[in-house]
Amino acid sequence: MFYKFFIEMEFRMMKKWTSLVLLAIALVFAACSSDDNPTSSNPNDYVLGTLKASVNGKSWQSMQAMAVRVQGVNITVSGANISGESISITFSDTDPGSYFSGLGFYNIVDMQNPTDQKVYASTDAEYEIISFEDNVITGKFSFTGDLQNGEGTATITNGTFKVQLL
């Protein structure tokens, strides 16, 4: 029963995070100028992260990605693209290794009607932490999410991320 409550709370939080991630992406790109240097030789200047995957066999890439601590214990890695799609994975293990207990979300937001969302969720996402150094997390993930409030699935494979923990 508690686990179901936790999943419902994560689902509500992910709907809010989707809107925040899309807003953050818009703000970042609005603030960029043509003379900004997109690369840096200083690894401590790592700001924009990457999140890539295959969604139902098609290549998918975020415009940027980030990681935040949720409730002081879990870490959520999220990325969104310009089409209103986002992928998030939440996990608690940060030591290098493979795990099978993550929460995975694939969200599709209708940009003409932002309250119209399709959310695919998984409670058994597979993930691998490759490294976690200087607040930069690198890893891999995959999951099959079930459509919430409907029928259907989304298969997320070959997922990779490199993000700074904010």
N, C-alpha and C. Protein backbone atom coordinates (compact mmCIF):
# COMPACT_ATOMS: atom_id res chain seq x y z
N MET A 1 0.82 -1.19 0.00
CA MET A 1 0.00 0.00 0.00
C MET A 1 0.87 1.26 0.00
N PHE A 2 1.91 1.27 0.84
CA PHE A 2 2.80 2.43 0.91
C PHE A 2 3.50 2.63 -0.43
N TYR A 3 3.88 1.52 -1.08
CA TYR A 3 4.57 1.61 -2.36
C TYR A 3 3.68 2.27 -3.40
N LYS A 4 2.38 1.91 -3.42
CA LYS A 4 1.44 2.51 -4.36
C LYS A 4 1.32 4.01 -4.09
N PHE A 5 1.26 4.40 -2.82
CA PHE A 5 1.20 5.81 -2.45
C PHE A 5 2.44 6.54 -2.95
N PHE A 6 3.62 5.91 -2.78
CA PHE A 6 4.88 6.51 -3.22
C PHE A 6 4.87 6.73 -4.74
N ILE A 7 4.40 5.75 -5.49
CA ILE A 7 4.34 5.85 -6.95
C ILE A 7 3.39 6.97 -7.36
N GLU A 8 2.23 7.07 -6.69
CA GLU A 8 1.29 8.14 -7.01
C GLU A 8 1.89 9.50 -6.72
N MET A 9 2.65 9.62 -5.62
CA MET A 9 3.30 10.89 -5.30
C MET A 9 4.37 11.21 -6.34
N GLU A 10 5.16 10.22 -6.74
CA GLU A 10 6.18 10.43 -7.77
C GLU A 10 5.53 10.85 -9.08
N PHE A 11 4.38 10.24 -9.43
CA PHE A 11 3.67 10.58 -10.65
C PHE A 11 3.25 12.05 -10.63
N ARG A 12 2.68 12.51 -9.51
CA ARG A 12 2.27 13.91 -9.38
C ARG A 12 3.49 14.83 -9.47
N MET A 13 4.60 14.45 -8.82
CA MET A 13 5.79 15.27 -8.86
C MET A 13 6.36 15.34 -10.27
N MET A 14 6.31 14.22 -11.02
CA MET A 14 6.86 14.20 -12.36
C MET A 14 6.05 15.11 -13.29
N LYS A 15 4.72 15.21 -13.09
CA LYS A 15 3.92 16.11 -13.91
C LYS A 15 4.37 17.55 -13.67
N LYS A 16 4.66 17.89 -12.42
CA LYS A 16 5.14 19.23 -12.11
C LYS A 16 6.54 19.44 -12.67
N TRP A 17 7.41 18.41 -12.53
CA TRP A 17 8.79 18.52 -13.03
C TRP A 17 8.81 18.69 -14.53
N THR A 18 7.89 18.05 -15.24
CA THR A 18 7.86 18.18 -16.69
C THR A 18 7.69 19.64 -17.09
N SER A 19 6.75 20.31 -16.45
CA SER A 19 6.53 21.73 -16.74
C SER A 19 7.75 22.56 -16.38
N LEU A 20 8.37 22.27 -15.24
CA LEU A 20 9.54 23.01 -14.81
C LEU A 20 10.72 22.79 -15.74
N VAL A 21 10.93 21.55 -16.19
CA VAL A 21 12.04 21.25 -17.11
C VAL A 21 11.84 22.00 -18.42
N LEU A 22 10.62 21.99 -18.95
CA LEU A 22 10.37 22.70 -20.21
C LEU A 22 10.58 24.21 -20.04
N LEU A 23 10.16 24.76 -18.91
CA LEU A 23 10.38 26.18 -18.64
C LEU A 23 11.87 26.48 -18.52
N ALA A 24 12.61 25.63 -17.82
CA ALA A 24 14.05 25.83 -17.65
C ALA A 24 14.77 25.80 -18.99
N ILE A 25 14.38 24.88 -19.86
CA ILE A 25 15.00 24.80 -21.18
C ILE A 25 14.73 26.08 -21.97
N ALA A 26 13.50 26.56 -21.91
CA ALA A 26 13.17 27.79 -22.62
C ALA A 26 13.99 28.96 -22.10
N LEU A 27 14.14 29.06 -20.79
CA LEU A 27 14.91 30.15 -20.19
C LEU A 27 16.39 30.07 -20.56
N VAL A 28 16.95 28.87 -20.54
CA VAL A 28 18.37 28.70 -20.87
C VAL A 28 18.63 29.14 -22.30
N PHE A 29 17.79 28.70 -23.23
CA PHE A 29 18.03 29.04 -24.63
C PHE A 29 17.70 30.50 -24.92
N ALA A 30 16.78 31.09 -24.19
CA ALA A 30 16.49 32.51 -24.37
C ALA A 30 17.63 33.36 -23.86
N ALA A 31 18.36 32.87 -22.86
CA ALA A 31 19.46 33.63 -22.27
C ALA A 31 20.76 33.49 -23.04
N CYS A 32 20.84 32.55 -23.95
CA CYS A 32 22.08 32.32 -24.70
C CYS A 32 22.23 33.37 -25.79
N SER A 33 23.46 33.78 -26.02
CA SER A 33 23.74 34.68 -27.13
C SER A 33 24.64 33.95 -28.11
N SER A 34 24.79 34.52 -29.29
CA SER A 34 25.57 33.84 -30.32
C SER A 34 27.06 33.79 -30.01
N ASP A 35 27.54 34.63 -29.07
CA ASP A 35 28.96 34.61 -28.76
C ASP A 35 29.27 33.77 -27.52
N ASP A 36 28.26 33.08 -26.97
CA ASP A 36 28.53 32.19 -25.84
C ASP A 36 29.39 31.03 -26.30
N ASN A 37 30.32 30.62 -25.46
CA ASN A 37 31.19 29.49 -25.77
C ASN A 37 30.51 28.22 -25.28
N PRO A 38 30.03 27.34 -26.18
CA PRO A 38 29.30 26.15 -25.74
C PRO A 38 30.20 25.07 -25.16
N THR A 39 31.48 25.21 -25.32
CA THR A 39 32.39 24.22 -24.76
C THR A 39 33.31 24.89 -23.78
N SER A 40 33.84 24.11 -22.87
CA SER A 40 34.74 24.66 -21.87
C SER A 40 35.83 23.64 -21.60
N SER A 41 37.03 24.14 -21.39
CA SER A 41 38.12 23.23 -21.05
C SER A 41 38.13 22.93 -19.56
N ASN A 42 37.32 23.65 -18.79
CA ASN A 42 37.25 23.46 -17.35
C ASN A 42 36.08 22.52 -17.02
N PRO A 43 36.36 21.31 -16.51
CA PRO A 43 35.27 20.37 -16.21
C PRO A 43 34.33 20.89 -15.13
N ASN A 44 34.75 21.85 -14.32
CA ASN A 44 33.86 22.41 -13.30
C ASN A 44 32.82 23.34 -13.88
N ASP A 45 32.95 23.71 -15.17
CA ASP A 45 31.98 24.57 -15.83
C ASP A 45 30.85 23.78 -16.48
N TYR A 46 30.78 22.49 -16.25
CA TYR A 46 29.78 21.63 -16.87
C TYR A 46 28.39 22.05 -16.39
N VAL A 47 27.59 22.61 -17.28
CA VAL A 47 26.27 23.09 -16.90
C VAL A 47 25.17 22.30 -17.59
N LEU A 48 25.20 22.26 -18.92
CA LEU A 48 24.16 21.56 -19.66
C LEU A 48 24.49 20.08 -19.72
N GLY A 49 23.52 19.25 -19.37
CA GLY A 49 23.74 17.82 -19.42
C GLY A 49 23.15 17.23 -20.69
N THR A 50 23.38 15.93 -20.86
CA THR A 50 22.83 15.23 -22.01
C THR A 50 22.04 14.03 -21.54
N LEU A 51 20.98 13.72 -22.27
CA LEU A 51 20.18 12.53 -22.04
C LEU A 51 19.71 12.07 -23.41
N LYS A 52 20.07 10.82 -23.76
CA LYS A 52 19.72 10.25 -25.05
C LYS A 52 19.11 8.88 -24.82
N ALA A 53 18.25 8.45 -25.75
CA ALA A 53 17.64 7.12 -25.65
C ALA A 53 16.97 6.78 -26.98
N SER A 54 16.48 5.57 -27.07
CA SER A 54 15.59 5.17 -28.15
C SER A 54 14.21 5.00 -27.54
N VAL A 55 13.21 5.63 -28.15
CA VAL A 55 11.83 5.53 -27.69
C VAL A 55 11.06 4.75 -28.74
N ASN A 56 10.62 3.56 -28.37
CA ASN A 56 9.93 2.68 -29.30
C ASN A 56 10.72 2.50 -30.59
N GLY A 57 12.06 2.40 -30.46
CA GLY A 57 12.94 2.14 -31.59
C GLY A 57 13.41 3.38 -32.33
N LYS A 58 12.93 4.58 -31.95
CA LYS A 58 13.34 5.81 -32.63
C LYS A 58 14.27 6.61 -31.75
N SER A 59 15.29 7.19 -32.36
CA SER A 59 16.28 7.98 -31.64
C SER A 59 15.62 9.19 -30.99
N TRP A 60 16.03 9.48 -29.74
CA TRP A 60 15.49 10.60 -28.96
C TRP A 60 16.65 11.27 -28.23
N GLN A 61 16.65 12.60 -28.18
CA GLN A 61 17.71 13.34 -27.48
C GLN A 61 17.11 14.58 -26.84
N SER A 62 17.53 14.85 -25.61
CA SER A 62 17.07 16.06 -24.93
C SER A 62 17.86 17.27 -25.41
N MET A 63 17.28 18.44 -25.23
CA MET A 63 18.00 19.68 -25.52
C MET A 63 19.01 19.94 -24.41
N GLN A 64 18.64 19.58 -23.21
CA GLN A 64 19.53 19.64 -22.06
C GLN A 64 18.97 18.69 -21.03
N ALA A 65 19.77 18.39 -20.03
CA ALA A 65 19.32 17.49 -18.97
C ALA A 65 19.92 17.96 -17.65
N MET A 66 19.29 17.57 -16.56
CA MET A 66 19.79 17.94 -15.24
C MET A 66 19.43 16.85 -14.24
N ALA A 67 20.07 16.93 -13.09
CA ALA A 67 19.80 16.00 -12.01
C ALA A 67 19.56 16.80 -10.73
N VAL A 68 18.56 16.39 -9.97
CA VAL A 68 18.25 17.03 -8.69
C VAL A 68 17.98 15.97 -7.64
N ARG A 69 18.25 16.32 -6.40
CA ARG A 69 17.90 15.42 -5.29
C ARG A 69 16.43 15.61 -4.96
N VAL A 70 15.73 14.50 -4.77
CA VAL A 70 14.32 14.51 -4.42
C VAL A 70 14.17 13.95 -3.02
N GLN A 71 13.60 14.71 -2.14
CA GLN A 71 13.38 14.31 -0.75
C GLN A 71 14.68 13.91 -0.06
N GLY A 72 15.79 14.48 -0.50
CA GLY A 72 17.08 14.27 0.14
C GLY A 72 17.69 12.89 -0.05
N VAL A 73 16.97 11.97 -0.67
CA VAL A 73 17.46 10.59 -0.80
C VAL A 73 17.65 10.20 -2.26
N ASN A 74 16.62 10.38 -3.05
CA ASN A 74 16.65 9.95 -4.45
C ASN A 74 17.22 11.04 -5.34
N ILE A 75 17.69 10.62 -6.50
CA ILE A 75 18.16 11.53 -7.52
C ILE A 75 17.29 11.33 -8.75
N THR A 76 16.80 12.43 -9.32
CA THR A 76 16.02 12.37 -10.55
C THR A 76 16.83 13.03 -11.66
N VAL A 77 17.05 12.28 -12.73
CA VAL A 77 17.70 12.78 -13.93
C VAL A 77 16.59 13.02 -14.96
N SER A 78 16.51 14.23 -15.49
CA SER A 78 15.45 14.58 -16.43
C SER A 78 16.01 15.32 -17.62
N GLY A 79 15.38 15.08 -18.76
CA GLY A 79 15.72 15.81 -19.96
C GLY A 79 14.48 15.97 -20.81
N ALA A 80 14.42 17.06 -21.57
CA ALA A 80 13.26 17.32 -22.42
C ALA A 80 13.72 17.82 -23.78
N ASN A 81 12.88 17.58 -24.79
CA ASN A 81 13.17 18.10 -26.12
C ASN A 81 12.17 19.20 -26.48
N ILE A 82 12.37 19.81 -27.61
CA ILE A 82 11.53 20.94 -28.02
C ILE A 82 10.11 20.51 -28.37
N SER A 83 9.89 19.23 -28.61
CA SER A 83 8.57 18.72 -28.99
C SER A 83 7.64 18.49 -27.80
N GLY A 84 8.13 18.73 -26.59
CA GLY A 84 7.29 18.53 -25.42
C GLY A 84 7.39 17.14 -24.83
N GLU A 85 8.41 16.40 -25.21
CA GLU A 85 8.63 15.06 -24.65
C GLU A 85 9.75 15.13 -23.61
N SER A 86 9.59 14.39 -22.54
CA SER A 86 10.64 14.34 -21.54
C SER A 86 10.80 12.92 -21.04
N ILE A 87 12.01 12.62 -20.61
CA ILE A 87 12.33 11.34 -19.99
C ILE A 87 12.97 11.63 -18.65
N SER A 88 12.52 10.90 -17.64
CA SER A 88 13.09 11.04 -16.29
C SER A 88 13.31 9.67 -15.71
N ILE A 89 14.36 9.56 -14.93
CA ILE A 89 14.62 8.33 -14.19
C ILE A 89 15.02 8.74 -12.78
N THR A 90 14.42 8.08 -11.81
CA THR A 90 14.68 8.37 -10.40
C THR A 90 15.31 7.14 -9.76
N PHE A 91 16.39 7.36 -9.01
CA PHE A 91 17.11 6.25 -8.38
C PHE A 91 17.74 6.72 -7.09
N SER A 92 18.15 5.74 -6.27
CA SER A 92 18.79 6.09 -5.00
C SER A 92 20.24 5.62 -4.93
N ASP A 93 20.60 4.62 -5.72
CA ASP A 93 21.97 4.10 -5.68
C ASP A 93 22.88 4.97 -6.54
N THR A 94 24.01 5.40 -5.97
CA THR A 94 24.93 6.27 -6.72
C THR A 94 26.32 5.65 -6.87
N ASP A 95 26.55 4.49 -6.29
CA ASP A 95 27.83 3.82 -6.48
C ASP A 95 27.85 3.18 -7.87
N PRO A 96 29.00 3.18 -8.55
CA PRO A 96 29.07 2.52 -9.85
C PRO A 96 28.56 1.08 -9.77
N GLY A 97 27.72 0.71 -10.74
CA GLY A 97 27.15 -0.63 -10.77
C GLY A 97 25.81 -0.61 -11.47
N SER A 98 25.22 -1.82 -11.64
CA SER A 98 23.92 -1.97 -12.30
C SER A 98 22.83 -2.23 -11.27
N TYR A 99 21.66 -1.63 -11.51
CA TYR A 99 20.54 -1.72 -10.57
C TYR A 99 19.24 -1.93 -11.34
N PHE A 100 18.22 -2.46 -10.66
CA PHE A 100 16.94 -2.78 -11.30
C PHE A 100 15.76 -2.20 -10.52
N SER A 101 15.97 -1.10 -9.84
CA SER A 101 14.93 -0.59 -8.96
C SER A 101 14.60 0.88 -9.18
N GLY A 102 14.85 1.39 -10.37
CA GLY A 102 14.58 2.80 -10.62
C GLY A 102 13.14 3.04 -11.06
N LEU A 103 12.74 4.29 -10.97
CA LEU A 103 11.44 4.71 -11.49
C LEU A 103 11.71 5.42 -12.82
N GLY A 104 11.00 5.03 -13.86
CA GLY A 104 11.20 5.64 -15.16
C GLY A 104 9.91 6.30 -15.65
N PHE A 105 10.04 7.47 -16.27
CA PHE A 105 8.89 8.19 -16.79
C PHE A 105 9.21 8.72 -18.19
N TYR A 106 8.26 8.56 -19.09
CA TYR A 106 8.31 9.16 -20.42
C TYR A 106 7.04 9.97 -20.55
N ASN A 107 7.17 11.29 -20.71
CA ASN A 107 6.02 12.19 -20.75
C ASN A 107 5.92 12.84 -22.12
N ILE A 108 4.70 12.98 -22.60
CA ILE A 108 4.43 13.70 -23.84
C ILE A 108 3.42 14.79 -23.50
N VAL A 109 3.80 16.03 -23.74
CA VAL A 109 2.93 17.16 -23.47
C VAL A 109 2.50 17.78 -24.79
N ASP A 110 1.21 17.99 -24.97
CA ASP A 110 0.70 18.69 -26.14
C ASP A 110 1.02 20.16 -25.95
N MET A 111 1.92 20.71 -26.76
CA MET A 111 2.36 22.09 -26.58
C MET A 111 1.22 23.09 -26.82
N GLN A 112 0.20 22.70 -27.57
CA GLN A 112 -0.96 23.57 -27.77
C GLN A 112 -1.91 23.54 -26.57
N ASN A 113 -1.85 22.45 -25.81
CA ASN A 113 -2.70 22.29 -24.63
C ASN A 113 -1.87 21.61 -23.54
N PRO A 114 -1.03 22.37 -22.81
CA PRO A 114 -0.08 21.78 -21.85
C PRO A 114 -0.69 20.92 -20.75
N THR A 115 -1.99 21.06 -20.50
CA THR A 115 -2.60 20.20 -19.48
C THR A 115 -2.89 18.81 -20.03
N ASP A 116 -2.80 18.65 -21.35
CA ASP A 116 -3.01 17.35 -21.98
C ASP A 116 -1.67 16.61 -22.04
N GLN A 117 -1.50 15.66 -21.15
CA GLN A 117 -0.24 14.92 -21.07
C GLN A 117 -0.50 13.42 -21.16
N LYS A 118 0.45 12.74 -21.75
CA LYS A 118 0.49 11.28 -21.70
C LYS A 118 1.72 10.93 -20.88
N VAL A 119 1.53 10.12 -19.86
CA VAL A 119 2.63 9.74 -18.97
C VAL A 119 2.75 8.22 -18.98
N TYR A 120 3.94 7.76 -19.33
CA TYR A 120 4.26 6.33 -19.29
C TYR A 120 5.19 6.13 -18.10
N ALA A 121 4.84 5.22 -17.20
CA ALA A 121 5.61 5.06 -15.97
C ALA A 121 6.03 3.61 -15.76
N SER A 122 7.21 3.46 -15.15
CA SER A 122 7.75 2.14 -14.82
C SER A 122 8.30 2.17 -13.40
N THR A 123 8.08 1.11 -12.67
CA THR A 123 8.62 1.00 -11.30
C THR A 123 9.84 0.08 -11.24
N ASP A 124 10.25 -0.45 -12.39
CA ASP A 124 11.40 -1.37 -12.39
C ASP A 124 12.40 -1.01 -13.49
N ALA A 125 12.68 0.27 -13.60
CA ALA A 125 13.66 0.73 -14.60
C ALA A 125 15.04 0.18 -14.26
N GLU A 126 15.75 -0.26 -15.28
CA GLU A 126 17.13 -0.72 -15.11
C GLU A 126 18.06 0.47 -15.34
N TYR A 127 19.07 0.59 -14.50
CA TYR A 127 20.03 1.67 -14.70
C TYR A 127 21.41 1.24 -14.25
N GLU A 128 22.40 1.89 -14.82
CA GLU A 128 23.79 1.63 -14.46
C GLU A 128 24.46 2.97 -14.19
N ILE A 129 25.08 3.08 -13.03
CA ILE A 129 25.87 4.26 -12.72
C ILE A 129 27.29 3.94 -13.17
N ILE A 130 27.79 4.72 -14.12
CA ILE A 130 29.15 4.52 -14.62
C ILE A 130 30.14 5.29 -13.76
N SER A 131 29.79 6.54 -13.46
CA SER A 131 30.63 7.33 -12.57
C SER A 131 29.80 8.42 -11.90
N PHE A 132 30.28 8.85 -10.74
CA PHE A 132 29.67 9.96 -10.01
C PHE A 132 30.81 10.70 -9.32
N GLU A 133 31.35 11.69 -10.02
CA GLU A 133 32.51 12.44 -9.53
C GLU A 133 32.28 13.93 -9.72
N ASP A 134 32.68 14.71 -8.75
CA ASP A 134 32.55 16.17 -8.81
C ASP A 134 31.12 16.60 -9.17
N ASN A 135 30.14 15.90 -8.60
CA ASN A 135 28.71 16.16 -8.83
C ASN A 135 28.26 15.93 -10.27
N VAL A 136 29.04 15.24 -11.08
CA VAL A 136 28.64 14.87 -12.44
C VAL A 136 28.36 13.37 -12.44
N ILE A 137 27.15 13.01 -12.87
CA ILE A 137 26.72 11.61 -12.89
C ILE A 137 26.64 11.15 -14.35
N THR A 138 27.25 10.02 -14.64
CA THR A 138 27.20 9.42 -15.96
C THR A 138 26.59 8.03 -15.81
N GLY A 139 25.64 7.69 -16.69
CA GLY A 139 25.02 6.38 -16.57
C GLY A 139 24.24 5.97 -17.80
N LYS A 140 23.62 4.80 -17.68
CA LYS A 140 22.80 4.20 -18.74
C LYS A 140 21.48 3.76 -18.10
N PHE A 141 20.43 3.62 -18.93
CA PHE A 141 19.14 3.18 -18.39
C PHE A 141 18.26 2.60 -19.49
N SER A 142 17.23 1.88 -19.06
CA SER A 142 16.18 1.38 -19.95
C SER A 142 14.97 1.03 -19.11
N PHE A 143 13.79 1.12 -19.72
CA PHE A 143 12.56 0.71 -19.05
C PHE A 143 11.42 0.63 -20.06
N THR A 144 10.37 -0.07 -19.66
CA THR A 144 9.13 -0.09 -20.41
C THR A 144 8.08 0.52 -19.52
N GLY A 145 7.51 1.64 -19.96
CA GLY A 145 6.52 2.35 -19.16
C GLY A 145 5.11 2.06 -19.63
N ASP A 146 4.20 1.90 -18.68
CA ASP A 146 2.79 1.72 -18.99
C ASP A 146 2.10 3.08 -19.00
N LEU A 147 1.23 3.29 -19.97
CA LEU A 147 0.48 4.53 -20.07
C LEU A 147 -0.44 4.66 -18.87
N GLN A 148 -0.30 5.75 -18.14
CA GLN A 148 -1.16 6.01 -16.99
C GLN A 148 -2.52 6.48 -17.51
N ASN A 149 -3.57 5.97 -16.92
CA ASN A 149 -4.95 6.33 -17.32
C ASN A 149 -5.24 5.98 -18.77
N GLY A 150 -4.73 4.84 -19.21
CA GLY A 150 -4.98 4.41 -20.58
C GLY A 150 -4.29 3.10 -20.86
N GLU A 151 -4.36 2.67 -22.11
CA GLU A 151 -3.71 1.44 -22.51
C GLU A 151 -2.56 1.75 -23.45
N GLY A 152 -1.47 1.03 -23.29
CA GLY A 152 -0.32 1.19 -24.16
C GLY A 152 0.96 1.22 -23.35
N THR A 153 2.07 1.05 -24.06
CA THR A 153 3.38 1.08 -23.42
C THR A 153 4.34 1.89 -24.28
N ALA A 154 5.40 2.35 -23.64
CA ALA A 154 6.51 3.00 -24.34
C ALA A 154 7.78 2.27 -23.89
N THR A 155 8.57 1.84 -24.85
CA THR A 155 9.81 1.12 -24.55
C THR A 155 10.99 2.07 -24.75
N ILE A 156 11.71 2.30 -23.66
CA ILE A 156 12.86 3.18 -23.66
C ILE A 156 14.10 2.31 -23.54
N THR A 157 14.98 2.35 -24.55
CA THR A 157 16.18 1.53 -24.55
C THR A 157 17.40 2.39 -24.88
N ASN A 158 18.58 1.83 -24.67
CA ASN A 158 19.85 2.49 -25.00
C ASN A 158 19.96 3.89 -24.41
N GLY A 159 19.36 4.10 -23.24
CA GLY A 159 19.41 5.41 -22.61
C GLY A 159 20.77 5.70 -22.01
N THR A 160 21.25 6.93 -22.19
CA THR A 160 22.50 7.37 -21.58
C THR A 160 22.29 8.77 -21.03
N PHE A 161 23.04 9.11 -19.99
CA PHE A 161 22.99 10.46 -19.46
C PHE A 161 24.34 10.86 -18.88
N LYS A 162 24.60 12.15 -18.94
CA LYS A 162 25.74 12.76 -18.27
C LYS A 162 25.23 14.11 -17.81
N VAL A 163 25.07 14.26 -16.50
CA VAL A 163 24.42 15.44 -15.94
C VAL A 163 25.14 15.91 -14.68
N GLN A 164 24.98 17.17 -14.39
CA GLN A 164 25.49 17.72 -13.15
C GLN A 164 24.37 17.70 -12.13
N LEU A 165 24.67 17.23 -10.93
CA LEU A 165 23.69 17.24 -9.84
C LEU A 165 23.61 18.67 -9.32
N LEU A 166 22.42 19.25 -9.43
CA LEU A 166 22.21 20.64 -9.00
C LEU A 166 21.90 20.70 -7.53
